[in-house]
Amino acid sequence: DRRAEAEHEYGCAAFADYRHLLKMNGLQAVAIAAPTHLHRPMASAALRQGLHVMLEKPMAATVRDGEYIVRTARACHRLLTVYQPHRVAAYFQHVRRLIATGKIGTVYHVRRGLFGFSRRNDWQSLQKYGGGMLNNYGAHALDQVLQLVGYDVRRVFCNLRRVASLGDAEDVVKIVIETKQGLIGEVDINQACAQSLYDLEVIGTTGVITLQTGQCNVLHVRRFSRAALKPKRLDRKLASANRQYPSDQIVFKEETIPVNKQFAVDVYRDFARAIRTGTVPFVDPRETLALMHIMAQCRCDAERIRFTPL
């Protein structure tokens, strides 16, 4: 039925077996958006057929499968990339540009949250298909955090829980990572939460950038000027001056900045460019594989999926 619908709606060819599609004359690249557990066989077959491959996130159901796909791409001399829509989104690329200007000083803490309430009952709720919120939404949220704090992770904390999902996979995920440089990254994914608590918070030494829930077209910046701070010395005495705790009269500047939609990355144009020029695509598969390794560390730290019934 869906093949017939696609042929009627889009005027495209449809196949009962993906291997027949891979043998089409003139085909150079494929995008694979099948369920996660099918990524390894499909991507491997396409690469061996001499095709470049774009995969839907997550790259694979397991880090071992991800490593296999990357090795196959390298052996076949084909390009591989992963579609990470939140990384290429205009709001996130705008955040990165604001950080690069030094507007909030040195970033040392990043928090990313994805909240909702859904009694999920499809394949994404089942572990055997690579479902669960660590793979599904974690591949978005953790990817963004790692882009901002770096991939040189020293330690990981993770808690996985099932609350509202009808399947056996987790719908609540808490991750805290610390890099070897001491930067902190947090991810909160909760699909059993009655309220959206926050979206994206980037904390720097002189300010904060926030993306508020439901407002992906606007960024909020609250910052101060280091040069405007009055001189202050450390007081080592145990008796506080004037019997008061010290405080600062800091003048914060608040800005509401419309997201520049032109900062979004067109992944298909970029992939075509990479194929033509033989260069690395915007989403480097080595970064995605590093993400897969850290997600595997998360599962190892969590040990099991805890169950808290409704």
C-alpha atoms as a PDB file:
ATOM      1  CA  ASP A   1       0.000   0.000   0.000  1.00  0.00           C
ATOM      2  CA  ARG A   2       2.741   2.460   0.896  1.00  0.00           C
ATOM      3  CA  ARG A   3       4.691   1.696  -2.266  1.00  0.00           C
ATOM      4  CA  ALA A   4       1.589   2.422  -4.317  1.00  0.00           C
ATOM      5  CA  GLU A   5       0.992   5.598  -2.335  1.00  0.00           C
ATOM      6  CA  ALA A   6       4.562   6.786  -2.979  1.00  0.00           C
ATOM      7  CA  GLU A   7       4.297   6.057  -6.698  1.00  0.00           C
ATOM      8  CA  HIS A   8       0.998   7.940  -6.933  1.00  0.00           C
ATOM      9  CA  GLU A   9       1.947  10.853  -4.664  1.00  0.00           C
ATOM     10  CA  TYR A  10       5.506  11.493  -5.842  1.00  0.00           C
ATOM     11  CA  GLY A  11       5.714   9.797  -9.216  1.00  0.00           C
ATOM     12  CA  CYS A  12       8.734   7.788  -8.083  1.00  0.00           C
ATOM     13  CA  ALA A  13       9.734   4.165  -8.514  1.00  0.00           C
ATOM     14  CA  ALA A  14       9.056   1.842  -5.564  1.00  0.00           C
ATOM     15  CA  PHE A  15      10.601  -1.533  -4.781  1.00  0.00           C
ATOM     16  CA  ALA A  16       9.556  -4.502  -2.677  1.00  0.00           C
ATOM     17  CA  ASP A  17      13.241  -5.295  -2.060  1.00  0.00           C
ATOM     18  CA  TYR A  18      15.787  -2.531  -1.450  1.00  0.00           C
ATOM     19  CA  ARG A  19      18.489  -4.594  -3.173  1.00  0.00           C
ATOM     20  CA  HIS A  20      16.676  -4.092  -6.477  1.00  0.00           C
ATOM     21  CA  LEU A  21      16.796  -0.323  -5.960  1.00  0.00           C
ATOM     22  CA  LEU A  22      20.552  -0.429  -5.348  1.00  0.00           C
ATOM     23  CA  LYS A  23      21.082  -1.855  -8.850  1.00  0.00           C
ATOM     24  CA  MET A  24      19.372   1.032 -10.665  1.00  0.00           C
ATOM     25  CA  ASN A  25      21.438   2.490 -13.493  1.00  0.00           C
ATOM     26  CA  GLY A  26      22.888   5.926 -12.813  1.00  0.00           C
ATOM     27  CA  LEU A  27      22.363   5.790  -9.052  1.00  0.00           C
ATOM     28  CA  GLN A  28      25.180   7.466  -7.100  1.00  0.00           C
ATOM     29  CA  ALA A  29      23.874   7.808  -3.545  1.00  0.00           C
ATOM     30  CA  VAL A  30      21.087   6.647  -1.261  1.00  0.00           C
ATOM     31  CA  ALA A  31      19.446   7.968   1.902  1.00  0.00           C
ATOM     32  CA  ILE A  32      18.462   5.233   4.360  1.00  0.00           C
ATOM     33  CA  ALA A  33      15.626   6.072   6.758  1.00  0.00           C
ATOM     34  CA  ALA A  34      14.616   2.518   7.659  1.00  0.00           C
ATOM     35  CA  PRO A  35      14.232   1.313  11.269  1.00  0.00           C
ATOM     36  CA  THR A  36      17.539   1.392  13.137  1.00  0.00           C
ATOM     37  CA  HIS A  37      18.216  -2.343  13.225  1.00  0.00           C
ATOM     38  CA  LEU A  38      18.186  -2.430   9.402  1.00  0.00           C
ATOM     39  CA  HIS A  39      20.888   0.223   8.960  1.00  0.00           C
ATOM     40  CA  ARG A  40      23.826  -2.195   8.991  1.00  0.00           C
ATOM     41  CA  PRO A  41      22.633  -4.591   6.267  1.00  0.00           C
ATOM     42  CA  MET A  42      21.178  -1.848   4.065  1.00  0.00           C
ATOM     43  CA  ALA A  43      24.131   0.542   4.339  1.00  0.00           C
ATOM     44  CA  SER A  44      26.669  -2.228   3.821  1.00  0.00           C
ATOM     45  CA  ALA A  45      24.878  -3.477   0.705  1.00  0.00           C
ATOM     46  CA  ALA A  46      24.680   0.043  -0.729  1.00  0.00           C
ATOM     47  CA  LEU A  47      28.357   0.771  -0.064  1.00  0.00           C
ATOM     48  CA  ARG A  48      29.432  -2.506  -1.672  1.00  0.00           C
ATOM     49  CA  GLN A  49      27.311  -1.581  -4.674  1.00  0.00           C
ATOM     50  CA  GLY A  50      29.506   1.513  -5.033  1.00  0.00           C
ATOM     51  CA  LEU A  51      26.980   4.009  -3.647  1.00  0.00           C
ATOM     52  CA  HIS A  52      27.518   6.869  -1.230  1.00  0.00           C
ATOM     53  CA  VAL A  53      25.266   6.632   1.835  1.00  0.00           C
ATOM     54  CA  MET A  54      23.364   9.045   4.051  1.00  0.00           C
ATOM     55  CA  LEU A  55      21.919   7.360   7.143  1.00  0.00           C
ATOM     56  CA  GLU A  56      19.102   8.497   9.381  1.00  0.00           C
ATOM     57  CA  LYS A  57      20.251   8.915  12.972  1.00  0.00           C
ATOM     58  CA  PRO A  58      21.226   6.972  14.962  1.00  0.00           C
ATOM     59  CA  MET A  59      23.894   5.521  12.705  1.00  0.00           C
ATOM     60  CA  ALA A  60      23.117   1.990  13.900  1.00  0.00           C
ATOM     61  CA  ALA A  61      21.494  -0.008  16.671  1.00  0.00           C
ATOM     62  CA  THR A  62      24.847  -0.737  18.347  1.00  0.00           C
ATOM     63  CA  VAL A  63      28.342   0.719  18.341  1.00  0.00           C
ATOM     64  CA  ARG A  64      29.616  -2.530  16.794  1.00  0.00           C
ATOM     65  CA  ASP A  65      27.226  -2.119  13.868  1.00  0.00           C
ATOM     66  CA  GLY A  66      28.295   1.517  13.523  1.00  0.00           C
ATOM     67  CA  GLU A  67      31.965   0.538  13.411  1.00  0.00           C
ATOM     68  CA  TYR A  68      31.178  -2.082  10.768  1.00  0.00           C
ATOM     69  CA  ILE A  69      29.417   0.473   8.553  1.00  0.00           C
ATOM     70  CA  VAL A  70      32.307   2.954   8.852  1.00  0.00           C
ATOM     71  CA  ARG A  71      34.867   0.247   8.011  1.00  0.00           C
ATOM     72  CA  THR A  72      32.818  -0.818   5.005  1.00  0.00           C
ATOM     73  CA  ALA A  73      32.591   2.763   3.707  1.00  0.00           C
ATOM     74  CA  ARG A  74      36.347   3.151   4.071  1.00  0.00           C
ATOM     75  CA  ALA A  75      37.062  -0.168   2.341  1.00  0.00           C
ATOM     76  CA  CYS A  76      34.708   0.696  -0.536  1.00  0.00           C
ATOM     77  CA  HIS A  77      36.068   4.266  -0.860  1.00  0.00           C
ATOM     78  CA  ARG A  78      32.555   5.679  -0.561  1.00  0.00           C
ATOM     79  CA  LEU A  79      31.306   8.657   1.433  1.00  0.00           C
ATOM     80  CA  LEU A  80      29.155   8.137   4.513  1.00  0.00           C
ATOM     81  CA  THR A  81      27.240  10.696   6.530  1.00  0.00           C
ATOM     82  CA  VAL A  82      24.446  10.717   9.108  1.00  0.00           C
ATOM     83  CA  TYR A  83      21.436  13.011   9.071  1.00  0.00           C
ATOM     84  CA  GLN A  84      21.527  14.942  12.367  1.00  0.00           C
ATOM     85  CA  PRO A  85      18.681  17.446  11.863  1.00  0.00           C
ATOM     86  CA  HIS A  86      19.157  19.272  15.150  1.00  0.00           C
ATOM     87  CA  ARG A  87      22.870  19.821  14.496  1.00  0.00           C
ATOM     88  CA  VAL A  88      22.264  21.354  11.070  1.00  0.00           C
ATOM     89  CA  ALA A  89      19.250  23.414  12.240  1.00  0.00           C
ATOM     90  CA  ALA A  90      19.481  27.195  12.015  1.00  0.00           C
ATOM     91  CA  TYR A  91      19.025  27.753  15.761  1.00  0.00           C
ATOM     92  CA  PHE A  92      21.932  25.476  16.674  1.00  0.00           C
ATOM     93  CA  GLN A  93      24.282  26.882  14.058  1.00  0.00           C
ATOM     94  CA  HIS A  94      23.351  30.378  15.291  1.00  0.00           C
ATOM     95  CA  VAL A  95      24.200  29.333  18.871  1.00  0.00           C
ATOM     96  CA  ARG A  96      27.606  28.111  17.710  1.00  0.00           C
ATOM     97  CA  ARG A  97      28.282  31.425  15.986  1.00  0.00           C
ATOM     98  CA  LEU A  98      27.332  33.384  19.101  1.00  0.00           C
ATOM     99  CA  ILE A  99      29.699  31.254  21.184  1.00  0.00           C
ATOM    100  CA  ALA A 100      32.499  31.841  18.664  1.00  0.00           C
ATOM    101  CA  THR A 101      32.161  35.621  19.082  1.00  0.00           C
ATOM    102  CA  GLY A 102      33.002  35.303  22.785  1.00  0.00           C
ATOM    103  CA  LYS A 103      29.692  36.918  23.699  1.00  0.00           C
ATOM    104  CA  ILE A 104      29.265  34.683  26.787  1.00  0.00           C
ATOM    105  CA  GLY A 105      32.932  34.058  27.532  1.00  0.00           C
ATOM    106  CA  THR A 106      34.245  30.517  27.844  1.00  0.00           C
ATOM    107  CA  VAL A 107      31.565  27.813  27.761  1.00  0.00           C
ATOM    108  CA  TYR A 108      31.854  25.332  30.635  1.00  0.00           C
ATOM    109  CA  HIS A 109      28.362  23.803  31.009  1.00  0.00           C
ATOM    110  CA  VAL A 110      25.719  22.810  28.440  1.00  0.00           C
ATOM    111  CA  ARG A 111      22.231  21.426  29.138  1.00  0.00           C
ATOM    112  CA  ARG A 112      19.815  19.968  26.582  1.00  0.00           C
ATOM    113  CA  GLY A 113      16.280  18.867  27.384  1.00  0.00           C
ATOM    114  CA  LEU A 114      13.534  17.146  25.402  1.00  0.00           C
ATOM    115  CA  PHE A 115      10.264  16.700  27.270  1.00  0.00           C
ATOM    116  CA  GLY A 116       6.810  15.389  26.488  1.00  0.00           C
ATOM    117  CA  PHE A 117       4.275  12.767  27.467  1.00  0.00           C
ATOM    118  CA  SER A 118       3.691   9.863  25.116  1.00  0.00           C
ATOM    119  CA  ARG A 119       2.584   6.288  25.728  1.00  0.00           C
ATOM    120  CA  ARG A 120       4.695   5.059  22.848  1.00  0.00           C
ATOM    121  CA  ASN A 121       3.528   1.765  21.362  1.00  0.00           C
ATOM    122  CA  ASP A 122       5.347   1.499  18.024  1.00  0.00           C
ATOM    123  CA  TRP A 123       8.657  -0.138  17.034  1.00  0.00           C
ATOM    124  CA  GLN A 124      10.553   2.747  18.645  1.00  0.00           C
ATOM    125  CA  SER A 125       9.381   1.438  22.027  1.00  0.00           C
ATOM    126  CA  LEU A 126      11.010  -1.971  21.506  1.00  0.00           C
ATOM    127  CA  GLN A 127      14.638  -2.801  22.264  1.00  0.00           C
ATOM    128  CA  LYS A 128      14.905  -5.515  19.600  1.00  0.00           C
ATOM    129  CA  TYR A 129      14.457  -2.887  16.873  1.00  0.00           C
ATOM    130  CA  GLY A 130      16.948  -0.455  18.415  1.00  0.00           C
ATOM    131  CA  GLY A 131      14.156   1.605  19.963  1.00  0.00           C
ATOM    132  CA  GLY A 132      14.171   3.663  23.137  1.00  0.00           C
ATOM    133  CA  MET A 133      14.843   7.305  23.829  1.00  0.00           C
ATOM    134  CA  LEU A 134      18.615   6.982  24.172  1.00  0.00           C
ATOM    135  CA  ASN A 135      18.859   5.933  20.520  1.00  0.00           C
ATOM    136  CA  ASN A 136      15.901   7.945  19.267  1.00  0.00           C
ATOM    137  CA  TYR A 137      16.185  11.373  20.927  1.00  0.00           C
ATOM    138  CA  GLY A 138      19.578  10.877  22.566  1.00  0.00           C
ATOM    139  CA  ALA A 139      21.172  10.759  19.126  1.00  0.00           C
ATOM    140  CA  HIS A 140      19.904  14.356  18.708  1.00  0.00           C
ATOM    141  CA  ALA A 141      20.498  15.814  22.151  1.00  0.00           C
ATOM    142  CA  LEU A 142      23.828  14.191  22.996  1.00  0.00           C
ATOM    143  CA  ASP A 143      25.150  15.049  19.527  1.00  0.00           C
ATOM    144  CA  GLN A 144      24.469  18.738  20.170  1.00  0.00           C
ATOM    145  CA  VAL A 145      26.048  18.659  23.628  1.00  0.00           C
ATOM    146  CA  LEU A 146      29.191  16.961  22.301  1.00  0.00           C
ATOM    147  CA  GLN A 147      29.458  19.529  19.523  1.00  0.00           C
ATOM    148  CA  LEU A 148      29.676  22.239  22.201  1.00  0.00           C
ATOM    149  CA  VAL A 149      31.775  20.602  24.949  1.00  0.00           C
ATOM    150  CA  GLY A 150      33.885  18.241  22.832  1.00  0.00           C
ATOM    151  CA  TYR A 151      34.270  14.491  22.421  1.00  0.00           C
ATOM    152  CA  ASP A 152      37.169  13.958  24.831  1.00  0.00           C
ATOM    153  CA  VAL A 153      34.905  12.503  27.526  1.00  0.00           C
ATOM    154  CA  ARG A 154      36.429  11.438  30.847  1.00  0.00           C
ATOM    155  CA  ARG A 155      33.399   9.967  32.602  1.00  0.00           C
ATOM    156  CA  VAL A 156      29.707   9.326  32.057  1.00  0.00           C
ATOM    157  CA  PHE A 157      26.662   8.988  34.308  1.00  0.00           C
ATOM    158  CA  CYS A 158      23.430   7.626  32.876  1.00  0.00           C
ATOM    159  CA  ASN A 159      20.054   6.557  34.227  1.00  0.00           C
ATOM    160  CA  LEU A 160      17.525   4.818  31.969  1.00  0.00           C
ATOM    161  CA  ARG A 161      13.908   4.379  32.992  1.00  0.00           C
ATOM    162  CA  ARG A 162      10.598   3.226  31.525  1.00  0.00           C
ATOM    163  CA  VAL A 163       7.459   4.964  32.760  1.00  0.00           C
ATOM    164  CA  ALA A 164       4.798   5.547  30.089  1.00  0.00           C
ATOM    165  CA  SER A 165       6.093   3.467  27.171  1.00  0.00           C
ATOM    166  CA  LEU A 166       4.133   0.312  26.339  1.00  0.00           C
ATOM    167  CA  GLY A 167       7.243  -1.421  25.013  1.00  0.00           C
ATOM    168  CA  ASP A 168      10.331  -2.596  26.896  1.00  0.00           C
ATOM    169  CA  ALA A 169      12.645   0.290  25.932  1.00  0.00           C
ATOM    170  CA  GLU A 170      13.351   3.390  28.003  1.00  0.00           C
ATOM    171  CA  ASP A 171      11.373   6.619  27.670  1.00  0.00           C
ATOM    172  CA  VAL A 172      13.283   8.577  30.353  1.00  0.00           C
ATOM    173  CA  VAL A 173      17.018   9.280  30.030  1.00  0.00           C
ATOM    174  CA  LYS A 174      19.363  11.285  32.251  1.00  0.00           C
ATOM    175  CA  ILE A 175      22.972  11.752  31.127  1.00  0.00           C
ATOM    176  CA  VAL A 176      25.810  13.745  32.665  1.00  0.00           C
ATOM    177  CA  ILE A 177      29.201  13.782  30.958  1.00  0.00           C
ATOM    178  CA  GLU A 178      32.472  15.384  32.003  1.00  0.00           C
ATOM    179  CA  THR A 179      35.258  15.992  29.502  1.00  0.00           C
ATOM    180  CA  LYS A 180      38.949  15.672  30.285  1.00  0.00           C
ATOM    181  CA  GLN A 181      39.054  19.472  30.243  1.00  0.00           C
ATOM    182  CA  GLY A 182      36.397  19.561  32.982  1.00  0.00           C
ATOM    183  CA  LEU A 183      33.465  20.779  30.869  1.00  0.00           C
ATOM    184  CA  ILE A 184      30.029  19.475  31.856  1.00  0.00           C
ATOM    185  CA  GLY A 185      27.279  18.313  29.512  1.00  0.00           C
ATOM    186  CA  GLU A 186      23.778  17.279  30.590  1.00  0.00           C
ATOM    187  CA  VAL A 187      20.950  15.623  28.687  1.00  0.00           C
ATOM    188  CA  ASP A 188      17.400  15.223  30.002  1.00  0.00           C
ATOM    189  CA  ILE A 189      15.012  13.238  27.823  1.00  0.00           C
ATOM    190  CA  ASN A 190      11.673  12.591  29.458  1.00  0.00           C
ATOM    191  CA  GLN A 191       8.682  11.364  27.504  1.00  0.00           C
ATOM    192  CA  ALA A 192       6.676  10.790  30.692  1.00  0.00           C
ATOM    193  CA  CYS A 193       6.755  14.387  31.930  1.00  0.00           C
ATOM    194  CA  ALA A 194       3.655  16.570  32.255  1.00  0.00           C
ATOM    195  CA  GLN A 195       5.574  19.775  31.504  1.00  0.00           C
ATOM    196  CA  SER A 196       8.435  20.889  29.292  1.00  0.00           C
ATOM    197  CA  LEU A 197      11.097  22.124  31.704  1.00  0.00           C
ATOM    198  CA  TYR A 198      13.799  23.574  29.461  1.00  0.00           C
ATOM    199  CA  ASP A 199      15.253  23.232  25.970  1.00  0.00           C
ATOM    200  CA  LEU A 200      18.862  24.370  25.518  1.00  0.00           C
ATOM    201  CA  GLU A 201      21.088  26.247  27.963  1.00  0.00           C
ATOM    202  CA  VAL A 202      24.690  27.179  27.195  1.00  0.00           C
ATOM    203  CA  ILE A 203      26.495  28.578  30.231  1.00  0.00           C
ATOM    204  CA  GLY A 204      29.666  30.601  29.842  1.00  0.00           C
ATOM    205  CA  THR A 205      31.918  32.584  32.162  1.00  0.00           C
ATOM    206  CA  THR A 206      30.252  35.903  31.289  1.00  0.00           C
ATOM    207  CA  GLY A 207      26.758  34.935  30.191  1.00  0.00           C
ATOM    208  CA  VAL A 208      24.145  32.410  29.140  1.00  0.00           C
ATOM    209  CA  ILE A 209      22.443  31.553  25.851  1.00  0.00           C
ATOM    210  CA  THR A 210      19.035  29.920  26.136  1.00  0.00           C
ATOM    211  CA  LEU A 211      16.594  28.447  23.681  1.00  0.00           C
ATOM    212  CA  GLN A 212      13.210  28.387  25.344  1.00  0.00           C
ATOM    213  CA  THR A 213      10.704  25.605  24.779  1.00  0.00           C
ATOM    214  CA  GLY A 214       8.584  26.142  21.693  1.00  0.00           C
ATOM    215  CA  GLN A 215      10.613  29.175  20.575  1.00  0.00           C
ATOM    216  CA  CYS A 216      13.127  27.753  18.102  1.00  0.00           C
ATOM    217  CA  ASN A 217      13.136  31.035  16.154  1.00  0.00           C
ATOM    218  CA  VAL A 218      14.482  33.161  19.023  1.00  0.00           C
ATOM    219  CA  LEU A 219      17.607  32.975  21.186  1.00  0.00           C
ATOM    220  CA  HIS A 220      17.938  34.703  24.551  1.00  0.00           C
ATOM    221  CA  VAL A 221      21.284  36.008  25.781  1.00  0.00           C
ATOM    222  CA  ARG A 222      22.005  37.356  29.270  1.00  0.00           C
ATOM    223  CA  ARG A 223      25.564  38.556  29.800  1.00  0.00           C
ATOM    224  CA  PHE A 224      27.828  41.076  31.467  1.00  0.00           C
ATOM    225  CA  SER A 225      31.040  42.835  30.539  1.00  0.00           C
ATOM    226  CA  ARG A 226      34.125  41.649  32.409  1.00  0.00           C
ATOM    227  CA  ALA A 227      35.664  45.081  31.840  1.00  0.00           C
ATOM    228  CA  ALA A 228      32.781  46.727  33.737  1.00  0.00           C
ATOM    229  CA  LEU A 229      33.399  44.748  36.945  1.00  0.00           C
ATOM    230  CA  LYS A 230      34.655  46.816  39.846  1.00  0.00           C
ATOM    231  CA  PRO A 231      37.985  45.762  41.394  1.00  0.00           C
ATOM    232  CA  LYS A 232      37.503  43.265  44.215  1.00  0.00           C
ATOM    233  CA  ARG A 233      39.930  41.463  46.511  1.00  0.00           C
ATOM    234  CA  LEU A 234      39.626  38.202  48.386  1.00  0.00           C
ATOM    235  CA  ASP A 235      38.804  38.679  52.080  1.00  0.00           C
ATOM    236  CA  ARG A 236      40.283  35.805  54.103  1.00  0.00           C
ATOM    237  CA  LYS A 237      38.831  36.961  57.415  1.00  0.00           C
ATOM    238  CA  LEU A 238      36.232  34.749  59.098  1.00  0.00           C
ATOM    239  CA  ALA A 239      34.163  37.745  60.234  1.00  0.00           C
ATOM    240  CA  SER A 240      32.227  39.151  57.265  1.00  0.00           C
ATOM    241  CA  ALA A 241      32.462  42.908  56.772  1.00  0.00           C
ATOM    242  CA  ASN A 242      29.425  44.750  58.151  1.00  0.00           C
ATOM    243  CA  ARG A 243      28.034  41.352  59.225  1.00  0.00           C
ATOM    244  CA  GLN A 244      26.794  40.789  55.672  1.00  0.00           C
ATOM    245  CA  TYR A 245      27.505  38.238  53.005  1.00  0.00           C
ATOM    246  CA  PRO A 246      29.291  39.836  50.049  1.00  0.00           C
ATOM    247  CA  SER A 247      27.386  40.668  46.877  1.00  0.00           C
ATOM    248  CA  ASP A 248      28.041  42.291  43.505  1.00  0.00           C
ATOM    249  CA  GLN A 249      26.063  44.945  41.704  1.00  0.00           C
ATOM    250  CA  ILE A 250      26.545  43.500  38.251  1.00  0.00           C
ATOM    251  CA  VAL A 251      24.781  45.054  35.283  1.00  0.00           C
ATOM    252  CA  PHE A 252      23.520  42.335  32.962  1.00  0.00           C
ATOM    253  CA  LYS A 253      22.606  43.011  29.361  1.00  0.00           C
ATOM    254  CA  GLU A 254      19.701  40.991  27.976  1.00  0.00           C
ATOM    255  CA  GLU A 255      19.154  40.390  24.277  1.00  0.00           C
ATOM    256  CA  THR A 256      16.499  38.609  22.267  1.00  0.00           C
ATOM    257  CA  ILE A 257      18.062  37.545  18.987  1.00  0.00           C
ATOM    258  CA  PRO A 258      15.984  36.254  16.060  1.00  0.00           C
ATOM    259  CA  VAL A 259      17.476  33.058  14.647  1.00  0.00           C
ATOM    260  CA  ASN A 260      19.000  33.618  11.227  1.00  0.00           C
ATOM    261  CA  LYS A 261      17.416  30.910   9.096  1.00  0.00           C
ATOM    262  CA  GLN A 262      20.221  31.214   6.551  1.00  0.00           C
ATOM    263  CA  PHE A 263      22.556  29.542   9.060  1.00  0.00           C
ATOM    264  CA  ALA A 264      20.784  26.199   8.509  1.00  0.00           C
ATOM    265  CA  VAL A 265      22.838  23.617   6.641  1.00  0.00           C
ATOM    266  CA  ASP A 266      21.200  21.959   3.633  1.00  0.00           C
ATOM    267  CA  VAL A 267      22.432  18.409   4.214  1.00  0.00           C
ATOM    268  CA  TYR A 268      21.587  17.204   0.718  1.00  0.00           C
ATOM    269  CA  ARG A 269      23.431  20.045  -1.004  1.00  0.00           C
ATOM    270  CA  ASP A 270      26.345  19.521   1.361  1.00  0.00           C
ATOM    271  CA  PHE A 271      26.422  15.787   0.677  1.00  0.00           C
ATOM    272  CA  ALA A 272      26.346  16.417  -3.080  1.00  0.00           C
ATOM    273  CA  ARG A 273      29.244  18.872  -2.655  1.00  0.00           C
ATOM    274  CA  ALA A 274      31.221  16.306  -0.654  1.00  0.00           C
ATOM    275  CA  ILE A 275      30.635  13.653  -3.334  1.00  0.00           C
ATOM    276  CA  ARG A 276      31.705  15.998  -6.155  1.00  0.00           C
ATOM    277  CA  THR A 277      34.819  17.243  -4.347  1.00  0.00           C
ATOM    278  CA  GLY A 278      35.761  14.089  -2.444  1.00  0.00           C
ATOM    279  CA  THR A 279      35.818  16.004   0.838  1.00  0.00           C
ATOM    280  CA  VAL A 280      34.345  15.289   4.272  1.00  0.00           C
ATOM    281  CA  PRO A 281      30.582  15.978   4.601  1.00  0.00           C
ATOM    282  CA  PHE A 282      29.294  18.428   7.216  1.00  0.00           C
ATOM    283  CA  VAL A 283      28.394  15.577   9.574  1.00  0.00           C
ATOM    284  CA  ASP A 284      31.631  13.616   9.760  1.00  0.00           C
ATOM    285  CA  PRO A 285      30.930   9.896  10.380  1.00  0.00           C
ATOM    286  CA  ARG A 286      33.894   9.825  12.782  1.00  0.00           C
ATOM    287  CA  GLU A 287      32.001  12.226  15.050  1.00  0.00           C
ATOM    288  CA  THR A 288      28.858  10.117  14.788  1.00  0.00           C
ATOM    289  CA  LEU A 289      30.844   6.999  15.662  1.00  0.00           C
ATOM    290  CA  ALA A 290      32.268   8.830  18.693  1.00  0.00           C
ATOM    291  CA  LEU A 291      28.664   9.643  19.652  1.00  0.00           C
ATOM    292  CA  MET A 292      27.786   5.942  19.336  1.00  0.00           C
ATOM    293  CA  HIS A 293      30.682   5.007  21.633  1.00  0.00           C
ATOM    294  CA  ILE A 294      29.497   7.476  24.290  1.00  0.00           C
ATOM    295  CA  MET A 295      25.922   6.186  23.990  1.00  0.00           C
ATOM    296  CA  ALA A 296      27.327   2.690  24.574  1.00  0.00           C
ATOM    297  CA  GLN A 297      29.081   4.024  27.695  1.00  0.00           C
ATOM    298  CA  CYS A 298      25.719   5.413  28.811  1.00  0.00           C
ATOM    299  CA  ARG A 299      24.079   1.992  28.537  1.00  0.00           C
ATOM    300  CA  CYS A 300      26.987   0.420  30.391  1.00  0.00           C
ATOM    301  CA  ASP A 301      26.754   2.934  33.239  1.00  0.00           C
ATOM    302  CA  ALA A 302      22.960   2.622  33.485  1.00  0.00           C
ATOM    303  CA  GLU A 303      23.333  -1.200  33.701  1.00  0.00           C
ATOM    304  CA  ARG A 304      19.604  -1.754  33.168  1.00  0.00           C
ATOM    305  CA  ILE A 305      16.328  -0.002  32.401  1.00  0.00           C
ATOM    306  CA  ARG A 306      14.472   0.729  35.612  1.00  0.00           C
ATOM    307  CA  PHE A 307      10.681   0.471  35.546  1.00  0.00           C
ATOM    308  CA  THR A 308       8.430   2.975  37.301  1.00  0.00           C
ATOM    309  CA  PRO A 309       4.838   2.140  36.258  1.00  0.00           C
ATOM    310  CA  LEU A 310       2.160   4.800  35.773  1.00  0.00           C
END
